[in-house]
Amino acid sequence: MSTKVAGKKKRADHSEVEEDYSLNDVVLRGRVSKEAVEKELPSGDKVVEFRLIVTREKNLGVDTLDIGAWSSKARRAALTLKPEEWIEVSGSIHRRFWSAPTGLASRWQVEAVEISRI
């Protein structure tokens, strides 16, 4: 059992642990840039990747974001998407790492949990 005291949590053994208030939830609405591509990784895992075009606030340009669908449900949904189609994606942001010829490489990706047409 633990009790909360001013941003810290007290454990039953009376030690303190810093409370974690972080949140990694993302909801995006935008247009699909081109057809999704399914990839099989060296680990055997499969991912379907595509890019989502979202307009910046006050129409100050657009951003193109990398989306990865890892679960079988999200992969199936992603493979049905068409270019220029409006969708909503919910999920979280993850940093992916892999070995490249020049060393360790990484990039940020939104991991899609739900994909729906709007």
PDB file of N, CA and C in Angstrom:
ATOM      1  N   MET A   1       0.839  -1.176   0.000  1.00  0.00           N
ATOM      2  CA  MET A   1       0.000   0.000   0.000  1.00  0.00           C
ATOM      3  C   MET A   1       0.879   1.232   0.000  1.00  0.00           C
ATOM      4  N   SER A   2       0.411   2.317  -0.656  1.00  0.00           N
ATOM      5  CA  SER A   2       1.179   3.557  -0.676  1.00  0.00           C
ATOM      6  C   SER A   2       0.256   4.737  -0.465  1.00  0.00           C
ATOM      7  N   THR A   3       0.831   5.817   0.031  1.00  0.00           N
ATOM      8  CA  THR A   3       0.072   7.052   0.207  1.00  0.00           C
ATOM      9  C   THR A   3       0.772   8.150  -0.554  1.00  0.00           C
ATOM     10  N   LYS A   4      -0.003   9.127  -1.058  1.00  0.00           N
ATOM     11  CA  LYS A   4       0.531  10.207  -1.869  1.00  0.00           C
ATOM     12  C   LYS A   4       0.784  11.434  -1.000  1.00  0.00           C
ATOM     13  N   VAL A   5       1.984  12.020  -1.117  1.00  0.00           N
ATOM     14  CA  VAL A   5       2.329  13.217  -0.365  1.00  0.00           C
ATOM     15  C   VAL A   5       3.041  14.184  -1.302  1.00  0.00           C
ATOM     16  N   ALA A   6       2.401  15.315  -1.641  1.00  0.00           N
ATOM     17  CA  ALA A   6       3.001  16.413  -2.410  1.00  0.00           C
ATOM     18  C   ALA A   6       3.863  15.956  -3.585  1.00  0.00           C
ATOM     19  N   GLY A   7       3.265  15.217  -4.544  1.00  0.00           N
ATOM     20  CA  GLY A   7       3.993  14.812  -5.740  1.00  0.00           C
ATOM     21  C   GLY A   7       4.878  13.599  -5.538  1.00  0.00           C
ATOM     22  N   LYS A   8       4.939  13.089  -4.353  1.00  0.00           N
ATOM     23  CA  LYS A   8       5.717  11.887  -4.079  1.00  0.00           C
ATOM     24  C   LYS A   8       4.791  10.824  -3.529  1.00  0.00           C
ATOM     25  N   LYS A   9       5.178   9.597  -3.702  1.00  0.00           N
ATOM     26  CA  LYS A   9       4.392   8.482  -3.213  1.00  0.00           C
ATOM     27  C   LYS A   9       5.182   7.801  -2.107  1.00  0.00           C
ATOM     28  N   LYS A  10       4.531   7.554  -0.999  1.00  0.00           N
ATOM     29  CA  LYS A  10       5.177   6.832   0.102  1.00  0.00           C
ATOM     30  C   LYS A  10       4.780   5.373   0.012  1.00  0.00           C
ATOM     31  N   ARG A  11       5.771   4.507   0.008  1.00  0.00           N
ATOM     32  CA  ARG A  11       5.531   3.067  -0.021  1.00  0.00           C
ATOM     33  C   ARG A  11       5.277   2.561   1.390  1.00  0.00           C
ATOM     34  N   ALA A  12       4.824   1.338   1.452  1.00  0.00           N
ATOM     35  CA  ALA A  12       4.555   0.705   2.749  1.00  0.00           C
ATOM     36  C   ALA A  12       5.811   0.657   3.618  1.00  0.00           C
ATOM     37  N   ASP A  13       6.999   0.556   2.976  1.00  0.00           N
ATOM     38  CA  ASP A  13       8.243   0.523   3.751  1.00  0.00           C
ATOM     39  C   ASP A  13       8.759   1.928   4.080  1.00  0.00           C
ATOM     40  N   HIS A  14       7.929   2.960   3.835  1.00  0.00           N
ATOM     41  CA  HIS A  14       8.191   4.374   4.135  1.00  0.00           C
ATOM     42  C   HIS A  14       9.206   5.042   3.196  1.00  0.00           C
ATOM     43  N   SER A  15       9.665   4.350   2.145  1.00  0.00           N
ATOM     44  CA  SER A  15      10.531   5.007   1.167  1.00  0.00           C
ATOM     45  C   SER A  15       9.658   5.839   0.228  1.00  0.00           C
ATOM     46  N   GLU A  16      10.253   6.832  -0.420  1.00  0.00           N
ATOM     47  CA  GLU A  16       9.497   7.716  -1.312  1.00  0.00           C
ATOM     48  C   GLU A  16       9.876   7.449  -2.764  1.00  0.00           C
ATOM     49  N   VAL A  17       8.894   7.591  -3.621  1.00  0.00           N
ATOM     50  CA  VAL A  17       9.097   7.459  -5.059  1.00  0.00           C
ATOM     51  C   VAL A  17       8.470   8.678  -5.715  1.00  0.00           C
ATOM     52  N   GLU A  18       9.179   9.283  -6.684  1.00  0.00           N
ATOM     53  CA  GLU A  18       8.643  10.442  -7.405  1.00  0.00           C
ATOM     54  C   GLU A  18       7.445  10.009  -8.236  1.00  0.00           C
ATOM     55  N   GLU A  19       6.350  10.746  -8.147  1.00  0.00           N
ATOM     56  CA  GLU A  19       5.134  10.459  -8.912  1.00  0.00           C
ATOM     57  C   GLU A  19       5.385  10.783 -10.385  1.00  0.00           C
ATOM     58  N   ASP A  20       4.893   9.949 -11.285  1.00  0.00           N
ATOM     59  CA  ASP A  20       5.066  10.150 -12.724  1.00  0.00           C
ATOM     60  C   ASP A  20       3.747  10.630 -13.318  1.00  0.00           C
ATOM     61  N   TYR A  21       3.705  11.890 -13.766  1.00  0.00           N
ATOM     62  CA  TYR A  21       2.489  12.478 -14.330  1.00  0.00           C
ATOM     63  C   TYR A  21       2.540  12.534 -15.860  1.00  0.00           C
ATOM     64  N   SER A  22       3.500  11.859 -16.466  1.00  0.00           N
ATOM     65  CA  SER A  22       3.653  11.938 -17.916  1.00  0.00           C
ATOM     66  C   SER A  22       2.484  11.270 -18.647  1.00  0.00           C
ATOM     67  N   LEU A  23       2.276  11.686 -19.890  1.00  0.00           N
ATOM     68  CA  LEU A  23       1.199  11.171 -20.718  1.00  0.00           C
ATOM     69  C   LEU A  23       1.665  11.166 -22.157  1.00  0.00           C
ATOM     70  N   ASN A  24       1.482  10.063 -22.856  1.00  0.00           N
ATOM     71  CA  ASN A  24       1.894   9.954 -24.249  1.00  0.00           C
ATOM     72  C   ASN A  24       0.697   9.479 -25.072  1.00  0.00           C
ATOM     73  N   ASP A  25      -0.263  10.374 -25.253  1.00  0.00           N
ATOM     74  CA  ASP A  25      -1.449  10.114 -26.072  1.00  0.00           C
ATOM     75  C   ASP A  25      -1.495  11.143 -27.190  1.00  0.00           C
ATOM     76  N   VAL A  26      -1.728  10.673 -28.409  1.00  0.00           N
ATOM     77  CA  VAL A  26      -1.758  11.549 -29.572  1.00  0.00           C
ATOM     78  C   VAL A  26      -3.035  11.283 -30.355  1.00  0.00           C
ATOM     79  N   VAL A  27      -3.690  12.348 -30.801  1.00  0.00           N
ATOM     80  CA  VAL A  27      -4.802  12.240 -31.748  1.00  0.00           C
ATOM     81  C   VAL A  27      -4.481  13.198 -32.886  1.00  0.00           C
ATOM     82  N   LEU A  28      -4.454  12.675 -34.088  1.00  0.00           N
ATOM     83  CA  LEU A  28      -4.131  13.463 -35.280  1.00  0.00           C
ATOM     84  C   LEU A  28      -5.216  13.278 -36.319  1.00  0.00           C
ATOM     85  N   ARG A  29      -5.511  14.348 -37.046  1.00  0.00           N
ATOM     86  CA  ARG A  29      -6.413  14.280 -38.198  1.00  0.00           C
ATOM     87  C   ARG A  29      -5.678  14.877 -39.378  1.00  0.00           C
ATOM     88  N   GLY A  30      -5.743  14.186 -40.489  1.00  0.00           N
ATOM     89  CA  GLY A  30      -5.057  14.691 -41.668  1.00  0.00           C
ATOM     90  C   GLY A  30      -5.338  13.827 -42.872  1.00  0.00           C
ATOM     91  N   ARG A  31      -4.554  14.095 -43.934  1.00  0.00           N
ATOM     92  CA  ARG A  31      -4.696  13.372 -45.198  1.00  0.00           C
ATOM     93  C   ARG A  31      -3.546  12.385 -45.359  1.00  0.00           C
ATOM     94  N   VAL A  32      -3.851  11.227 -45.903  1.00  0.00           N
ATOM     95  CA  VAL A  32      -2.836  10.225 -46.196  1.00  0.00           C
ATOM     96  C   VAL A  32      -2.022  10.723 -47.391  1.00  0.00           C
ATOM     97  N   SER A  33      -0.684  10.679 -47.309  1.00  0.00           N
ATOM     98  CA  SER A  33       0.142  11.213 -48.395  1.00  0.00           C
ATOM     99  C   SER A  33       0.251  10.246 -49.575  1.00  0.00           C
ATOM    100  N   LYS A  34       0.398   8.956 -49.294  1.00  0.00           N
ATOM    101  CA  LYS A  34       0.441   7.932 -50.348  1.00  0.00           C
ATOM    102  C   LYS A  34       0.108   6.597 -49.711  1.00  0.00           C
ATOM    103  N   GLU A  35      -0.013   5.547 -50.537  1.00  0.00           N
ATOM    104  CA  GLU A  35      -0.416   4.242 -50.021  1.00  0.00           C
ATOM    105  C   GLU A  35       0.550   3.736 -48.960  1.00  0.00           C
ATOM    106  N   ALA A  36       0.000   3.020 -47.981  1.00  0.00           N
ATOM    107  CA  ALA A  36       0.792   2.447 -46.902  1.00  0.00           C
ATOM    108  C   ALA A  36       1.631   1.283 -47.435  1.00  0.00           C
ATOM    109  N   VAL A  37       2.771   1.044 -46.767  1.00  0.00           N
ATOM    110  CA  VAL A  37       3.686  -0.017 -47.167  1.00  0.00           C
ATOM    111  C   VAL A  37       3.903  -0.955 -45.980  1.00  0.00           C
ATOM    112  N   GLU A  38       3.752  -2.259 -46.229  1.00  0.00           N
ATOM    113  CA  GLU A  38       3.998  -3.239 -45.171  1.00  0.00           C
ATOM    114  C   GLU A  38       5.452  -3.680 -45.225  1.00  0.00           C
ATOM    115  N   LYS A  39       6.087  -3.738 -44.046  1.00  0.00           N
ATOM    116  CA  LYS A  39       7.486  -4.153 -43.959  1.00  0.00           C
ATOM    117  C   LYS A  39       7.600  -5.280 -42.941  1.00  0.00           C
ATOM    118  N   GLU A  40       8.492  -6.207 -43.232  1.00  0.00           N
ATOM    119  CA  GLU A  40       8.833  -7.233 -42.242  1.00  0.00           C
ATOM    120  C   GLU A  40      10.240  -6.922 -41.753  1.00  0.00           C
ATOM    121  N   LEU A  41      10.390  -6.788 -40.457  1.00  0.00           N
ATOM    122  CA  LEU A  41      11.662  -6.425 -39.849  1.00  0.00           C
ATOM    123  C   LEU A  41      12.523  -7.673 -39.648  1.00  0.00           C
ATOM    124  N   PRO A  42      13.837  -7.494 -39.470  1.00  0.00           N
ATOM    125  CA  PRO A  42      14.714  -8.649 -39.228  1.00  0.00           C
ATOM    126  C   PRO A  42      14.255  -9.509 -38.045  1.00  0.00           C
ATOM    127  N   SER A  43      13.563  -8.897 -37.090  1.00  0.00           N
ATOM    128  CA  SER A  43      13.057  -9.622 -35.923  1.00  0.00           C
ATOM    129  C   SER A  43      11.875 -10.526 -36.276  1.00  0.00           C
ATOM    130  N   GLY A  44      11.295 -10.320 -37.473  1.00  0.00           N
ATOM    131  CA  GLY A  44      10.094 -11.057 -37.867  1.00  0.00           C
ATOM    132  C   GLY A  44       8.822 -10.277 -37.626  1.00  0.00           C
ATOM    133  N   ASP A  45       8.918  -9.174 -36.858  1.00  0.00           N
ATOM    134  CA  ASP A  45       7.757  -8.316 -36.636  1.00  0.00           C
ATOM    135  C   ASP A  45       7.347  -7.654 -37.938  1.00  0.00           C
ATOM    136  N   LYS A  46       6.052  -7.356 -38.057  1.00  0.00           N
ATOM    137  CA  LYS A  46       5.540  -6.648 -39.229  1.00  0.00           C
ATOM    138  C   LYS A  46       5.023  -5.292 -38.797  1.00  0.00           C
ATOM    139  N   VAL A  47       5.184  -4.322 -39.687  1.00  0.00           N
ATOM    140  CA  VAL A  47       4.667  -2.972 -39.460  1.00  0.00           C
ATOM    141  C   VAL A  47       4.177  -2.433 -40.795  1.00  0.00           C
ATOM    142  N   VAL A  48       3.091  -1.665 -40.750  1.00  0.00           N
ATOM    143  CA  VAL A  48       2.618  -0.965 -41.938  1.00  0.00           C
ATOM    144  C   VAL A  48       2.884   0.511 -41.685  1.00  0.00           C
ATOM    145  N   GLU A  49       3.603   1.133 -42.613  1.00  0.00           N
ATOM    146  CA  GLU A  49       3.989   2.536 -42.446  1.00  0.00           C
ATOM    147  C   GLU A  49       3.363   3.404 -43.539  1.00  0.00           C
ATOM    148  N   PHE A  50       2.987   4.610 -43.125  1.00  0.00           N
ATOM    149  CA  PHE A  50       2.496   5.606 -44.069  1.00  0.00           C
ATOM    150  C   PHE A  50       2.752   6.977 -43.482  1.00  0.00           C
ATOM    151  N   ARG A  51       2.492   8.000 -44.265  1.00  0.00           N
ATOM    152  CA  ARG A  51       2.677   9.368 -43.791  1.00  0.00           C
ATOM    153  C   ARG A  51       1.345  10.099 -43.789  1.00  0.00           C
ATOM    154  N   LEU A  52       1.190  10.941 -42.775  1.00  0.00           N
ATOM    155  CA  LEU A  52      -0.019  11.731 -42.605  1.00  0.00           C
ATOM    156  C   LEU A  52       0.329  13.202 -42.744  1.00  0.00           C
ATOM    157  N   ILE A  53      -0.419  13.909 -43.584  1.00  0.00           N
ATOM    158  CA  ILE A  53      -0.206  15.345 -43.784  1.00  0.00           C
ATOM    159  C   ILE A  53      -1.180  16.095 -42.888  1.00  0.00           C
ATOM    160  N   VAL A  54      -0.652  16.898 -41.974  1.00  0.00           N
ATOM    161  CA  VAL A  54      -1.490  17.682 -41.070  1.00  0.00           C
ATOM    162  C   VAL A  54      -1.173  19.164 -41.254  1.00  0.00           C
ATOM    163  N   THR A  55      -2.225  19.983 -41.237  1.00  0.00           N
ATOM    164  CA  THR A  55      -2.068  21.430 -41.396  1.00  0.00           C
ATOM    165  C   THR A  55      -1.696  22.042 -40.056  1.00  0.00           C
ATOM    166  N   ARG A  56      -0.745  22.951 -40.079  1.00  0.00           N
ATOM    167  CA  ARG A  56      -0.364  23.650 -38.856  1.00  0.00           C
ATOM    168  C   ARG A  56      -1.445  24.647 -38.469  1.00  0.00           C
ATOM    169  N   GLU A  57      -1.413  25.064 -37.220  1.00  0.00           N
ATOM    170  CA  GLU A  57      -2.367  26.050 -36.721  1.00  0.00           C
ATOM    171  C   GLU A  57      -2.322  27.309 -37.582  1.00  0.00           C
ATOM    172  N   LYS A  58      -3.474  27.886 -37.819  1.00  0.00           N
ATOM    173  CA  LYS A  58      -3.639  29.126 -38.599  1.00  0.00           C
ATOM    174  C   LYS A  58      -3.119  28.986 -40.035  1.00  0.00           C
ATOM    175  N   ASN A  59      -3.198  27.759 -40.584  1.00  0.00           N
ATOM    176  CA  ASN A  59      -2.778  27.496 -41.966  1.00  0.00           C
ATOM    177  C   ASN A  59      -1.364  27.963 -42.275  1.00  0.00           C
ATOM    178  N   LEU A  60      -0.461  27.814 -41.331  1.00  0.00           N
ATOM    179  CA  LEU A  60       0.933  28.219 -41.529  1.00  0.00           C
ATOM    180  C   LEU A  60       1.773  27.048 -42.050  1.00  0.00           C
ATOM    181  N   GLY A  61       1.286  26.392 -43.081  1.00  0.00           N
ATOM    182  CA  GLY A  61       2.008  25.274 -43.667  1.00  0.00           C
ATOM    183  C   GLY A  61       1.472  23.941 -43.193  1.00  0.00           C
ATOM    184  N   VAL A  62       2.205  22.889 -43.560  1.00  0.00           N
ATOM    185  CA  VAL A  62       1.814  21.531 -43.179  1.00  0.00           C
ATOM    186  C   VAL A  62       3.020  20.785 -42.622  1.00  0.00           C
ATOM    187  N   ASP A  63       2.739  19.731 -41.895  1.00  0.00           N
ATOM    188  CA  ASP A  63       3.765  18.795 -41.444  1.00  0.00           C
ATOM    189  C   ASP A  63       3.394  17.417 -41.968  1.00  0.00           C
ATOM    190  N   THR A  64       4.386  16.636 -42.335  1.00  0.00           N
ATOM    191  CA  THR A  64       4.170  15.266 -42.763  1.00  0.00           C
ATOM    192  C   THR A  64       4.771  14.364 -41.698  1.00  0.00           C
ATOM    193  N   LEU A  65       3.927  13.548 -41.083  1.00  0.00           N
ATOM    194  CA  LEU A  65       4.335  12.738 -39.938  1.00  0.00           C
ATOM    195  C   LEU A  65       4.371  11.258 -40.292  1.00  0.00           C
ATOM    196  N   ASP A  66       5.386  10.555 -39.803  1.00  0.00           N
ATOM    197  CA  ASP A  66       5.505   9.119 -40.009  1.00  0.00           C
ATOM    198  C   ASP A  66       4.587   8.392 -39.037  1.00  0.00           C
ATOM    199  N   ILE A  67       3.775   7.484 -39.581  1.00  0.00           N
ATOM    200  CA  ILE A  67       2.843   6.691 -38.779  1.00  0.00           C
ATOM    201  C   ILE A  67       3.206   5.223 -38.953  1.00  0.00           C
ATOM    202  N   GLY A  68       3.217   4.486 -37.859  1.00  0.00           N
ATOM    203  CA  GLY A  68       3.481   3.049 -37.895  1.00  0.00           C
ATOM    204  C   GLY A  68       2.321   2.297 -37.272  1.00  0.00           C
ATOM    205  N   ALA A  69       1.810   1.320 -37.978  1.00  0.00           N
ATOM    206  CA  ALA A  69       0.721   0.477 -37.467  1.00  0.00           C
ATOM    207  C   ALA A  69       1.335  -0.883 -37.143  1.00  0.00           C
ATOM    208  N   TRP A  70       1.412  -1.207 -35.863  1.00  0.00           N
ATOM    209  CA  TRP A  70       2.097  -2.421 -35.421  1.00  0.00           C
ATOM    210  C   TRP A  70       1.144  -3.566 -35.092  1.00  0.00           C
ATOM    211  N   SER A  71      -0.014  -3.273 -34.519  1.00  0.00           N
ATOM    212  CA  SER A  71      -0.942  -4.359 -34.170  1.00  0.00           C
ATOM    213  C   SER A  71      -1.609  -4.868 -35.450  1.00  0.00           C
ATOM    214  N   SER A  72      -2.103  -6.110 -35.408  1.00  0.00           N
ATOM    215  CA  SER A  72      -2.735  -6.670 -36.614  1.00  0.00           C
ATOM    216  C   SER A  72      -3.954  -5.847 -37.026  1.00  0.00           C
ATOM    217  N   LYS A  73      -4.730  -5.369 -36.058  1.00  0.00           N
ATOM    218  CA  LYS A  73      -5.914  -4.554 -36.366  1.00  0.00           C
ATOM    219  C   LYS A  73      -5.505  -3.244 -37.056  1.00  0.00           C
ATOM    220  N   ALA A  74      -4.509  -2.566 -36.530  1.00  0.00           N
ATOM    221  CA  ALA A  74      -4.055  -1.296 -37.112  1.00  0.00           C
ATOM    222  C   ALA A  74      -3.410  -1.532 -38.479  1.00  0.00           C
ATOM    223  N   ARG A  75      -2.658  -2.630 -38.628  1.00  0.00           N
ATOM    224  CA  ARG A  75      -2.042  -2.931 -39.931  1.00  0.00           C
ATOM    225  C   ARG A  75      -3.105  -3.152 -40.999  1.00  0.00           C
ATOM    226  N   ARG A  76      -4.146  -3.914 -40.662  1.00  0.00           N
ATOM    227  CA  ARG A  76      -5.235  -4.156 -41.626  1.00  0.00           C
ATOM    228  C   ARG A  76      -5.889  -2.845 -42.045  1.00  0.00           C
ATOM    229  N   ALA A  77      -6.177  -1.989 -41.074  1.00  0.00           N
ATOM    230  CA  ALA A  77      -6.812  -0.698 -41.381  1.00  0.00           C
ATOM    231  C   ALA A  77      -5.902   0.159 -42.254  1.00  0.00           C
ATOM    232  N   ALA A  78      -4.619   0.210 -41.934  1.00  0.00           N
ATOM    233  CA  ALA A  78      -3.675   1.046 -42.685  1.00  0.00           C
ATOM    234  C   ALA A  78      -3.549   0.602 -44.139  1.00  0.00           C
ATOM    235  N   LEU A  79      -3.601  -0.693 -44.375  1.00  0.00           N
ATOM    236  CA  LEU A  79      -3.447  -1.199 -45.743  1.00  0.00           C
ATOM    237  C   LEU A  79      -4.634  -0.855 -46.638  1.00  0.00           C
ATOM    238  N   THR A  80      -5.752  -0.423 -46.072  1.00  0.00           N
ATOM    239  CA  THR A  80      -6.913  -0.049 -46.883  1.00  0.00           C
ATOM    240  C   THR A  80      -6.932   1.440 -47.221  1.00  0.00           C
ATOM    241  N   LEU A  81      -5.999   2.215 -46.685  1.00  0.00           N
ATOM    242  CA  LEU A  81      -6.007   3.671 -46.880  1.00  0.00           C
ATOM    243  C   LEU A  81      -5.611   4.047 -48.302  1.00  0.00           C
ATOM    244  N   LYS A  82      -6.217   5.109 -48.769  1.00  0.00           N
ATOM    245  CA  LYS A  82      -5.932   5.637 -50.106  1.00  0.00           C
ATOM    246  C   LYS A  82      -5.297   7.022 -49.990  1.00  0.00           C
ATOM    247  N   PRO A  83      -4.429   7.385 -50.930  1.00  0.00           N
ATOM    248  CA  PRO A  83      -3.841   8.732 -50.913  1.00  0.00           C
ATOM    249  C   PRO A  83      -4.924   9.816 -50.928  1.00  0.00           C
ATOM    250  N   GLU A  84      -4.676  10.874 -50.199  1.00  0.00           N
ATOM    251  CA  GLU A  84      -5.563  12.043 -50.063  1.00  0.00           C
ATOM    252  C   GLU A  84      -6.795  11.779 -49.207  1.00  0.00           C
ATOM    253  N   GLU A  85      -6.958  10.590 -48.671  1.00  0.00           N
ATOM    254  CA  GLU A  85      -8.103  10.268 -47.822  1.00  0.00           C
ATOM    255  C   GLU A  85      -7.908  10.922 -46.445  1.00  0.00           C
ATOM    256  N   TRP A  86      -8.998  11.479 -45.896  1.00  0.00           N
ATOM    257  CA  TRP A  86      -8.964  12.091 -44.567  1.00  0.00           C
ATOM    258  C   TRP A  86      -9.180  11.017 -43.510  1.00  0.00           C
ATOM    259  N   ILE A  87      -8.284  10.999 -42.515  1.00  0.00           N
ATOM    260  CA  ILE A  87      -8.386  10.002 -41.449  1.00  0.00           C
ATOM    261  C   ILE A  87      -8.063  10.633 -40.089  1.00  0.00           C
ATOM    262  N   GLU A  88      -8.395   9.878 -39.052  1.00  0.00           N
ATOM    263  CA  GLU A  88      -7.990  10.233 -37.696  1.00  0.00           C
ATOM    264  C   GLU A  88      -7.181   9.065 -37.150  1.00  0.00           C
ATOM    265  N   VAL A  89      -6.056   9.399 -36.536  1.00  0.00           N
ATOM    266  CA  VAL A  89      -5.170   8.397 -35.951  1.00  0.00           C
ATOM    267  C   VAL A  89      -5.021   8.703 -34.467  1.00  0.00           C
ATOM    268  N   SER A  90      -5.183   7.697 -33.632  1.00  0.00           N
ATOM    269  CA  SER A  90      -4.874   7.867 -32.217  1.00  0.00           C
ATOM    270  C   SER A  90      -3.812   6.852 -31.846  1.00  0.00           C
ATOM    271  N   GLY A  91      -2.932   7.272 -30.954  1.00  0.00           N
ATOM    272  CA  GLY A  91      -1.846   6.392 -30.550  1.00  0.00           C
ATOM    273  C   GLY A  91      -0.880   7.126 -29.648  1.00  0.00           C
ATOM    274  N   SER A  92       0.412   6.860 -29.839  1.00  0.00           N
ATOM    275  CA  SER A  92       1.441   7.491 -29.016  1.00  0.00           C
ATOM    276  C   SER A  92       2.717   7.666 -29.835  1.00  0.00           C
ATOM    277  N   ILE A  93       3.606   8.513 -29.343  1.00  0.00           N
ATOM    278  CA  ILE A  93       4.853   8.798 -30.044  1.00  0.00           C
ATOM    279  C   ILE A  93       5.947   7.892 -29.494  1.00  0.00           C
ATOM    280  N   HIS A  94       6.714   7.314 -30.414  1.00  0.00           N
ATOM    281  CA  HIS A  94       7.819   6.433 -30.032  1.00  0.00           C
ATOM    282  C   HIS A  94       9.049   6.782 -30.842  1.00  0.00           C
ATOM    283  N   ARG A  95      10.207   6.565 -30.259  1.00  0.00           N
ATOM    284  CA  ARG A  95      11.459   6.717 -30.988  1.00  0.00           C
ATOM    285  C   ARG A  95      11.965   5.326 -31.322  1.00  0.00           C
ATOM    286  N   ARG A  96      12.165   5.075 -32.607  1.00  0.00           N
ATOM    287  CA  ARG A  96      12.614   3.772 -33.093  1.00  0.00           C
ATOM    288  C   ARG A  96      14.126   3.808 -33.337  1.00  0.00           C
ATOM    289  N   PHE A  97      14.812   2.738 -32.972  1.00  0.00           N
ATOM    290  CA  PHE A  97      16.255   2.621 -33.161  1.00  0.00           C
ATOM    291  C   PHE A  97      16.559   1.400 -34.018  1.00  0.00           C
ATOM    292  N   TRP A  98      17.602   1.479 -34.839  1.00  0.00           N
ATOM    293  CA  TRP A  98      18.053   0.342 -35.623  1.00  0.00           C
ATOM    294  C   TRP A  98      19.518   0.541 -35.990  1.00  0.00           C
ATOM    295  N   SER A  99      20.141  -0.546 -36.418  1.00  0.00           N
ATOM    296  CA  SER A  99      21.538  -0.489 -36.848  1.00  0.00           C
ATOM    297  C   SER A  99      21.586  -0.146 -38.318  1.00  0.00           C
ATOM    298  N   ALA A 100      22.303   0.909 -38.634  1.00  0.00           N
ATOM    299  CA  ALA A 100      22.491   1.337 -40.021  1.00  0.00           C
ATOM    300  C   ALA A 100      23.969   1.137 -40.379  1.00  0.00           C
ATOM    301  N   PRO A 101      24.310   1.182 -41.656  1.00  0.00           N
ATOM    302  CA  PRO A 101      25.718   1.025 -42.040  1.00  0.00           C
ATOM    303  C   PRO A 101      26.641   2.047 -41.366  1.00  0.00           C
ATOM    304  N   THR A 102      26.109   3.214 -41.043  1.00  0.00           N
ATOM    305  CA  THR A 102      26.919   4.260 -40.407  1.00  0.00           C
ATOM    306  C   THR A 102      26.848   4.226 -38.887  1.00  0.00           C
ATOM    307  N   GLY A 103      26.131   3.254 -38.326  1.00  0.00           N
ATOM    308  CA  GLY A 103      25.997   3.151 -36.875  1.00  0.00           C
ATOM    309  C   GLY A 103      24.541   3.138 -36.457  1.00  0.00           C
ATOM    310  N   LEU A 104      24.309   3.430 -35.193  1.00  0.00           N
ATOM    311  CA  LEU A 104      22.946   3.436 -34.666  1.00  0.00           C
ATOM    312  C   LEU A 104      22.158   4.601 -35.259  1.00  0.00           C
ATOM    313  N   ALA A 105      20.946   4.320 -35.729  1.00  0.00           N
ATOM    314  CA  ALA A 105      20.080   5.351 -36.307  1.00  0.00           C
ATOM    315  C   ALA A 105      18.755   5.347 -35.558  1.00  0.00           C
ATOM    316  N   SER A 106      18.033   6.474 -35.633  1.00  0.00           N
ATOM    317  CA  SER A 106      16.726   6.542 -34.973  1.00  0.00           C
ATOM    318  C   SER A 106      15.833   7.532 -35.696  1.00  0.00           C
ATOM    319  N   ARG A 107      14.548   7.424 -35.418  1.00  0.00           N
ATOM    320  CA  ARG A 107      13.574   8.402 -35.903  1.00  0.00           C
ATOM    321  C   ARG A 107      12.347   8.317 -35.006  1.00  0.00           C
ATOM    322  N   TRP A 108      11.576   9.401 -35.014  1.00  0.00           N
ATOM    323  CA  TRP A 108      10.332   9.465 -34.254  1.00  0.00           C
ATOM    324  C   TRP A 108       9.202   8.966 -35.134  1.00  0.00           C
ATOM    325  N   GLN A 109       8.241   8.276 -34.519  1.00  0.00           N
ATOM    326  CA  GLN A 109       7.113   7.726 -35.253  1.00  0.00           C
ATOM    327  C   GLN A 109       5.891   7.722 -34.336  1.00  0.00           C
ATOM    328  N   VAL A 110       4.744   8.021 -34.925  1.00  0.00           N
ATOM    329  CA  VAL A 110       3.494   7.869 -34.186  1.00  0.00           C
ATOM    330  C   VAL A 110       3.055   6.429 -34.337  1.00  0.00           C
ATOM    331  N   GLU A 111       2.894   5.726 -33.221  1.00  0.00           N
ATOM    332  CA  GLU A 111       2.407   4.355 -33.259  1.00  0.00           C
ATOM    333  C   GLU A 111       0.886   4.370 -33.205  1.00  0.00           C
ATOM    334  N   ALA A 112       0.268   4.024 -34.327  1.00  0.00           N
ATOM    335  CA  ALA A 112      -1.195   4.070 -34.437  1.00  0.00           C
ATOM    336  C   ALA A 112      -1.828   2.907 -33.707  1.00  0.00           C
ATOM    337  N   VAL A 113      -2.783   3.216 -32.838  1.00  0.00           N
ATOM    338  CA  VAL A 113      -3.575   2.188 -32.164  1.00  0.00           C
ATOM    339  C   VAL A 113      -4.928   2.081 -32.856  1.00  0.00           C
ATOM    340  N   GLU A 114      -5.512   3.221 -33.187  1.00  0.00           N
ATOM    341  CA  GLU A 114      -6.807   3.287 -33.895  1.00  0.00           C
ATOM    342  C   GLU A 114      -6.651   4.150 -35.136  1.00  0.00           C
ATOM    343  N   ILE A 115      -7.220   3.694 -36.242  1.00  0.00           N
ATOM    344  CA  ILE A 115      -7.229   4.458 -37.496  1.00  0.00           C
ATOM    345  C   ILE A 115      -8.669   4.463 -37.989  1.00  0.00           C
ATOM    346  N   SER A 116      -9.223   5.662 -38.229  1.00  0.00           N
ATOM    347  CA  SER A 116     -10.597   5.731 -38.728  1.00  0.00           C
ATOM    348  C   SER A 116     -10.723   6.812 -39.797  1.00  0.00           C
ATOM    349  N   ARG A 117     -11.613   6.579 -40.730  1.00  0.00           N
ATOM    350  CA  ARG A 117     -11.883   7.569 -41.778  1.00  0.00           C
ATOM    351  C   ARG A 117     -12.803   8.644 -41.223  1.00  0.00           C
ATOM    352  N   ILE A 118     -12.608   9.882 -41.702  1.00  0.00           N
ATOM    353  CA  ILE A 118     -13.490  10.974 -41.283  1.00  0.00           C
ATOM    354  C   ILE A 118     -14.087  11.666 -42.489  1.00  0.00           C
TER     355      ILE A 118
END
